[in-house]
Protein backbone atom coordinates (compact mmCIF):
# COMPACT_ATOMS: atom_id res chain seq x y z
CA MET A 1 -114.25 -34.71 -22.93
CA TYR A 2 -113.69 -31.65 -25.42
CA TYR A 3 -117.25 -31.61 -26.66
CA ASN A 4 -120.29 -34.01 -26.62
CA LYS A 5 -119.61 -36.91 -28.70
CA PHE A 6 -122.83 -38.29 -30.79
CA SER A 7 -121.32 -41.57 -30.49
CA ASP A 8 -121.01 -41.46 -26.96
CA TYR A 9 -125.01 -40.32 -26.68
CA LEU A 10 -126.06 -43.13 -28.47
CA LYS A 11 -124.37 -45.55 -26.25
CA GLU A 12 -125.36 -43.75 -22.86
CA LYS A 13 -129.10 -43.69 -24.08
CA TYR A 14 -129.31 -46.88 -25.79
CA LYS A 15 -127.06 -49.14 -24.50
CA ALA A 16 -125.91 -50.86 -27.25
CA LYS A 17 -124.31 -50.44 -31.06
CA VAL A 18 -126.76 -48.22 -32.75
CA TYR A 19 -126.15 -47.06 -36.47
CA LYS A 20 -128.21 -44.70 -38.87
CA ILE A 21 -129.95 -46.06 -41.66
CA PRO A 22 -130.10 -44.09 -44.77
CA ILE A 23 -133.58 -43.80 -46.49
CA ASN A 24 -134.63 -42.20 -49.77
CA ILE A 25 -138.23 -41.24 -50.55
CA PRO A 26 -139.27 -39.66 -53.84
CA VAL A 27 -139.98 -36.28 -52.58
CA THR A 28 -138.40 -32.98 -53.65
CA CYS A 29 -137.75 -29.17 -52.69
CA PRO A 30 -139.88 -25.94 -52.72
CA ASN A 31 -136.59 -24.63 -54.00
CA ARG A 32 -136.56 -27.01 -56.88
CA ASP A 33 -140.15 -27.21 -57.81
CA GLY A 34 -140.87 -24.12 -58.83
CA THR A 35 -142.70 -23.17 -55.39
CA LEU A 36 -139.73 -20.64 -54.08
CA GLY A 37 -137.24 -21.36 -56.61
CA THR A 38 -136.16 -23.86 -59.55
CA LYS A 39 -132.40 -24.14 -58.99
CA GLY A 40 -132.23 -25.29 -55.40
CA CYS A 41 -129.84 -23.66 -52.78
CA LEU A 42 -126.55 -22.26 -54.26
CA PHE A 43 -124.60 -25.25 -53.03
CA CYS A 44 -126.87 -27.97 -53.79
CA GLY A 45 -126.14 -30.26 -56.35
CA GLU A 46 -128.97 -32.27 -58.19
CA GLU A 47 -128.68 -35.62 -55.75
CA GLY A 48 -129.10 -33.48 -52.75
CA ALA A 49 -127.40 -35.20 -49.96
CA GLY A 50 -128.43 -38.57 -50.83
CA PHE A 51 -125.11 -39.19 -52.94
CA GLU A 52 -124.84 -42.83 -50.82
CA ASN A 53 -128.40 -44.09 -50.67
CA LEU A 54 -130.04 -46.25 -52.31
CA SER A 55 -132.67 -45.83 -55.00
CA ASN A 56 -136.22 -44.07 -53.94
CA GLN A 57 -137.83 -46.78 -56.33
CA LEU A 58 -137.12 -49.14 -53.23
CA GLY A 59 -139.83 -49.28 -50.69
CA VAL A 60 -139.17 -47.94 -46.75
CA ARG A 61 -138.88 -51.38 -45.42
CA GLU A 62 -137.01 -52.80 -48.18
CA GLN A 63 -134.07 -50.19 -47.81
CA ILE A 64 -134.33 -51.02 -44.33
CA GLU A 65 -133.96 -54.67 -44.71
CA ILE A 66 -131.27 -54.36 -47.20
CA ASN A 67 -128.89 -51.73 -44.98
CA SER A 68 -129.95 -53.09 -41.63
CA ARG A 69 -128.70 -56.59 -42.81
CA TYR A 70 -125.32 -55.16 -44.32
CA ILE A 71 -124.63 -52.90 -41.49
CA GLY A 72 -125.66 -55.34 -38.96
CA GLU A 73 -123.32 -57.75 -40.06
CA LYS A 74 -120.77 -55.33 -40.66
CA TYR A 75 -120.54 -53.27 -37.52
CA LYS A 76 -122.59 -55.71 -35.20
CA ALA A 77 -125.36 -53.20 -35.00
CA GLU A 78 -128.14 -54.19 -32.43
CA LYS A 79 -130.66 -50.98 -32.92
CA PHE A 80 -131.03 -48.65 -35.70
CA ILE A 81 -131.49 -44.80 -36.53
CA ILE A 82 -133.81 -44.40 -39.27
CA TYR A 83 -132.95 -41.27 -41.39
CA PHE A 84 -134.82 -39.57 -43.88
CA GLN A 85 -131.73 -38.00 -45.28
CA ASN A 86 -132.37 -36.50 -48.99
CA TYR A 87 -134.49 -33.51 -49.97
CA THR A 88 -136.56 -32.16 -47.80
CA ASN A 89 -138.76 -35.05 -46.36
CA THR A 90 -142.04 -33.38 -44.89
CA TYR A 91 -142.32 -31.49 -48.03
CA LEU A 92 -145.32 -33.97 -49.49
CA PRO A 93 -148.72 -34.95 -48.53
CA VAL A 94 -149.01 -35.57 -44.61
CA GLU A 95 -151.26 -38.93 -45.51
CA ARG A 96 -148.25 -40.01 -47.74
CA PHE A 97 -145.27 -38.66 -44.69
CA LYS A 98 -147.25 -40.89 -42.21
CA ALA A 99 -147.43 -44.36 -44.50
CA TYR A 100 -143.44 -43.62 -44.90
CA ILE A 101 -143.09 -43.24 -41.10
CA SER A 102 -145.15 -45.94 -40.31
CA ASP A 103 -143.47 -48.47 -42.55
CA SER A 104 -139.95 -47.45 -40.65
CA CYS A 105 -141.18 -48.55 -37.37
CA MET A 106 -139.96 -52.00 -37.33
CA PRO A 107 -138.15 -54.15 -34.68
CA GLY A 108 -135.00 -52.65 -33.63
CA VAL A 109 -135.79 -49.23 -34.41
CA ALA A 110 -134.86 -47.00 -31.89
CA ALA A 111 -135.13 -43.71 -33.07
CA ILE A 112 -136.49 -41.91 -36.33
CA TYR A 113 -134.62 -39.07 -37.73
CA ILE A 114 -136.27 -36.75 -40.64
CA SER A 115 -134.33 -34.05 -42.30
CA THR A 116 -136.55 -31.10 -43.87
CA ARG A 117 -136.43 -27.27 -44.28
CA PRO A 118 -137.53 -25.23 -41.20
CA ASP A 119 -140.53 -23.80 -43.72
CA CYS A 120 -141.65 -27.07 -44.40
CA ILE A 121 -142.85 -28.59 -40.69
CA ASN A 122 -145.84 -27.50 -39.26
CA ASP A 123 -148.15 -28.59 -36.71
CA SER A 124 -149.87 -32.05 -38.82
CA TYR A 125 -146.62 -33.34 -39.24
CA LEU A 126 -145.47 -32.73 -35.52
CA SER A 127 -149.02 -34.04 -34.00
CA PHE A 128 -148.44 -37.44 -35.73
CA LEU A 129 -144.89 -37.71 -35.18
CA GLN A 130 -145.73 -37.29 -31.39
CA SER A 131 -148.05 -39.82 -31.38
CA ILE A 132 -145.62 -42.05 -32.94
CA LYS A 133 -142.61 -41.41 -30.19
CA ASN A 134 -145.86 -42.12 -27.64
CA SER A 135 -147.34 -45.31 -29.00
CA ARG A 136 -144.04 -46.93 -30.59
CA ASN A 137 -141.48 -45.76 -27.98
CA ILE A 138 -139.33 -44.74 -30.75
CA ASP A 139 -137.59 -40.76 -30.70
CA ILE A 140 -138.13 -38.62 -32.97
CA VAL A 141 -135.30 -35.80 -34.27
CA ILE A 142 -136.14 -33.25 -36.71
CA GLU A 143 -133.02 -32.37 -38.86
CA LEU A 144 -133.56 -28.69 -40.07
CA GLY A 145 -131.35 -27.04 -42.35
CA LEU A 146 -130.28 -23.97 -40.68
CA GLN A 147 -126.89 -23.24 -42.51
CA THR A 148 -126.58 -19.98 -41.07
CA VAL A 149 -127.93 -17.33 -38.89
CA ASN A 150 -127.34 -14.45 -40.80
CA TYR A 151 -130.16 -13.41 -42.98
CA HIS A 152 -128.40 -11.72 -45.54
CA THR A 153 -126.42 -14.56 -46.25
CA LEU A 154 -129.42 -16.75 -46.34
CA LYS A 155 -130.66 -14.50 -49.13
CA ALA A 156 -127.30 -14.59 -50.79
CA ILE A 157 -127.37 -18.73 -51.08
CA TYR A 158 -130.95 -18.74 -51.83
CA ARG A 159 -132.06 -20.76 -49.10
CA GLY A 160 -135.79 -19.14 -49.62
CA HIS A 161 -136.11 -18.76 -45.85
CA LEU A 162 -134.99 -16.73 -43.23
CA LEU A 163 -134.18 -16.86 -39.33
CA ALA A 164 -137.72 -16.53 -38.01
CA GLU A 165 -138.90 -19.70 -39.98
CA PHE A 166 -136.05 -21.74 -37.97
CA ILE A 167 -136.80 -20.21 -34.51
CA ASP A 168 -140.80 -20.90 -35.27
CA ALA A 169 -139.77 -24.65 -36.01
CA ALA A 170 -137.45 -25.08 -33.41
CA ILE A 171 -140.05 -23.78 -30.98
CA ARG A 172 -142.94 -26.00 -32.18
CA ILE A 173 -140.85 -28.88 -32.59
CA LYS A 174 -140.13 -28.82 -28.98
CA ASN A 175 -143.52 -28.17 -27.79
CA TYR A 176 -144.26 -31.39 -29.31
CA GLY A 177 -141.77 -33.03 -27.03
CA LEU A 178 -139.74 -33.85 -30.10
CA MET A 179 -136.22 -33.39 -30.46
CA THR A 180 -133.92 -31.07 -33.10
CA CYS A 181 -130.76 -31.17 -34.84
CA ALA A 182 -129.41 -28.01 -36.59
CA HIS A 183 -127.34 -28.04 -39.66
CA TYR A 184 -124.53 -25.57 -39.67
CA ILE A 185 -122.15 -24.60 -42.65
CA VAL A 186 -119.40 -23.06 -40.53
CA ASP A 187 -117.32 -21.94 -43.36
CA LEU A 188 -119.75 -19.64 -45.41
CA PRO A 189 -117.57 -16.98 -47.20
CA MET A 190 -120.17 -14.53 -46.67
CA ASP A 191 -120.26 -15.08 -42.97
CA ASN A 192 -117.42 -14.17 -40.47
CA MET A 193 -116.41 -15.80 -36.80
CA ASP A 194 -119.43 -13.06 -35.30
CA ASP A 195 -121.91 -14.65 -37.47
CA VAL A 196 -120.54 -18.39 -36.79
CA ILE A 197 -120.55 -17.14 -32.90
CA GLU A 198 -124.01 -15.86 -32.99
CA GLY A 199 -125.35 -18.92 -34.77
CA ALA A 200 -123.85 -21.56 -31.34
CA ARG A 201 -125.84 -18.79 -29.23
CA ILE A 202 -129.30 -18.57 -31.08
CA ILE A 203 -128.90 -22.59 -31.19
CA SER A 204 -128.14 -22.39 -27.70
CA ALA A 205 -131.15 -20.26 -26.61
CA LEU A 206 -133.48 -22.39 -28.49
CA GLY A 207 -132.84 -25.64 -26.70
CA VAL A 208 -131.69 -27.59 -30.06
CA ASN A 209 -130.85 -30.86 -29.07
CA GLN A 210 -128.18 -31.75 -31.78
CA VAL A 211 -125.85 -30.28 -34.04
CA LYS A 212 -124.04 -31.23 -37.28
CA CYS A 213 -121.19 -28.95 -38.36
CA HIS A 214 -120.56 -29.01 -42.23
CA SER A 215 -117.94 -27.48 -44.34
CA MET A 216 -118.70 -26.00 -47.65
CA TYR A 217 -118.17 -27.92 -50.60
CA ILE A 218 -118.55 -26.61 -54.18
CA LEU A 219 -120.00 -29.06 -56.86
CA GLU A 220 -119.96 -28.84 -60.59
CA GLY A 221 -123.26 -27.38 -62.04
CA THR A 222 -124.48 -25.47 -59.00
CA GLY A 223 -124.61 -21.58 -58.56
CA MET A 224 -121.64 -21.90 -55.99
CA GLY A 225 -119.69 -23.77 -58.46
CA ASP A 226 -120.19 -21.20 -61.21
CA LEU A 227 -119.04 -18.52 -58.89
CA TYR A 228 -116.06 -20.34 -57.62
CA LYS A 229 -115.11 -20.92 -61.35
CA LYS A 230 -115.22 -17.06 -61.86
CA GLY A 231 -113.32 -16.08 -59.01
CA LEU A 232 -116.40 -14.46 -57.01
CA ILE A 233 -115.93 -16.72 -53.96
CA LYS A 234 -113.14 -17.91 -52.05
CA PRO A 235 -113.44 -20.59 -49.54
CA VAL A 236 -111.92 -19.73 -46.03
CA THR A 237 -108.26 -21.55 -45.34
CA LEU A 238 -108.16 -25.09 -43.40
CA GLU A 239 -107.06 -23.45 -40.21
CA GLU A 240 -109.74 -20.54 -40.32
CA TYR A 241 -112.37 -23.71 -40.70
CA ILE A 242 -111.17 -25.49 -37.77
CA GLU A 243 -111.06 -21.96 -35.71
CA ARG A 244 -114.30 -21.53 -36.26
CA VAL A 245 -115.66 -24.59 -35.36
CA ILE A 246 -113.89 -24.47 -31.64
CA ALA A 247 -115.36 -21.13 -31.36
CA PHE A 248 -118.50 -22.44 -32.53
CA LEU A 249 -118.45 -25.28 -29.83
CA GLU A 250 -117.03 -22.89 -27.44
CA PHE A 251 -120.42 -20.82 -27.20
CA LEU A 252 -122.46 -23.90 -27.68
CA SER A 253 -124.44 -25.34 -24.66
CA PRO A 254 -122.50 -28.24 -23.44
CA GLU A 255 -125.81 -30.22 -23.26
CA ILE A 256 -125.94 -30.17 -26.98
CA VAL A 257 -124.69 -33.39 -28.93
CA ILE A 258 -122.65 -32.85 -31.72
CA GLN A 259 -123.50 -35.28 -34.66
CA ARG A 260 -120.42 -34.47 -36.76
CA LEU A 261 -117.50 -31.71 -37.00
CA ILE A 262 -117.02 -31.90 -41.02
CA GLY A 263 -119.03 -33.21 -43.66
CA ARG A 264 -118.10 -35.07 -46.79
CA ALA A 265 -119.02 -34.41 -50.51
CA PRO A 266 -119.74 -36.43 -54.08
CA LYS A 267 -116.00 -37.16 -55.07
CA GLU A 268 -117.28 -36.94 -58.90
CA ARG A 269 -118.53 -33.59 -59.50
CA SER A 270 -116.63 -31.42 -56.42
CA LEU A 271 -114.74 -28.76 -57.65
CA PHE A 272 -113.57 -27.98 -53.98
CA CYS A 273 -114.03 -30.35 -51.03
CA ASN A 274 -112.37 -30.32 -47.32
CA TRP A 275 -109.04 -28.64 -49.08
CA GLY A 276 -107.81 -32.04 -50.48
CA THR A 277 -107.83 -33.59 -47.22
CA SER A 278 -109.52 -36.72 -45.87
CA TRP A 279 -112.77 -35.66 -43.57
CA TRP A 280 -111.42 -37.77 -40.81
CA LYS A 281 -107.98 -36.06 -40.90
CA ILE A 282 -109.47 -32.53 -39.97
CA HIS A 283 -111.89 -34.02 -37.30
CA ASP A 284 -108.49 -35.19 -35.38
CA MET A 285 -106.70 -31.75 -36.32
CA ILE A 286 -109.87 -30.25 -34.69
CA GLU A 287 -109.90 -32.21 -31.53
CA ALA A 288 -105.72 -31.78 -31.43
CA LYS A 289 -106.08 -28.49 -31.44
CA MET A 290 -108.92 -28.02 -28.44
CA LYS A 291 -106.54 -30.63 -26.79
CA GLU A 292 -103.78 -28.58 -26.87
CA GLU A 293 -105.20 -25.33 -26.29
CA ASN A 294 -107.43 -26.53 -23.35
CA ARG A 295 -110.45 -25.35 -25.20
CA CYS A 296 -113.86 -27.31 -24.98
CA GLN A 297 -117.76 -27.38 -25.71
CA GLY A 298 -119.66 -24.97 -23.54
CA LEU A 299 -116.20 -23.18 -22.52
CA LYS A 300 -117.90 -19.77 -23.07
CA PHE A 301 -121.78 -20.72 -22.76
CA ASN A 302 -122.45 -17.86 -20.29
CA TYR A 303 -125.04 -15.39 -21.82
CA LEU A 304 -128.29 -16.77 -21.15
CA ASN A 305 -130.92 -16.16 -18.34
CA GLY A 306 -129.88 -12.65 -17.94
CA SER A 307 -126.38 -13.50 -17.12
CA ALA A 308 -125.36 -9.83 -17.42
CA CYS A 309 -127.39 -8.66 -14.27
CA GLN A 310 -127.03 -11.71 -12.15
CA GLY A 311 -125.32 -10.81 -8.92
CA LEU A 312 -125.74 -6.97 -9.68
CA PHE A 313 -128.63 -6.83 -7.05
């Protein structure tokens, strides 16, 4: 096994076929409603990350029923992960949040994954989620949009938060006995290989449980799209992306589960996405290179617990 695959993790943990059900609720983002900004992050389109979701005008239970029926029949799924995917799902009054989460606790639900920003999660939400985990025996994973650990890049892509907010959120979530997943854009053109490796090191040091690697996609109508059309930013090569992902994995704790190695984008508005190659082909290219070069997750995970001084005295 060259890295800790999400599919293997699910089989081992739940002893059944498990599939994610995306849920879309009517929320926005502080980077859009004027609290921190109005245009969103440099790369983010109007539809956010949920371009394949059902309408947020449908209730949570209705979305679960529709999706579970389809997914259950097509993939023979036995259990489900409810994934609150789009925008910032803790950026709403805590009582409304509680109602949405409570509605998602249906039969067959093994876990609830909640996508949010590291500056939009606090003790009120976490205390409630801890009670759900303990009373309903449902795993809770908070998916945090980190994207990069380079605070200069975080400013350049208008994230609206810096690294400290992610560190604080990761520690808080862990203190409540919940799990974290970090989203990381491996090929941001403002970052170099040192930034990618340091990202793996910080994520590992914080005890993050899962990671999603994303490739940078560029959409029409975004700040990044404008820069791309003006020739002010240039994507890294496919070969560079593959090498960055593998280096990231080598420095990452082998205990961390890898949800994905590369992402996708809405086709209609994409100016650039995955070098015009299918995501699954790039996925296979990454695995093939790891096998050929005998490289694996955690190969260089040797830097914590005072490793520089161990064995000296």
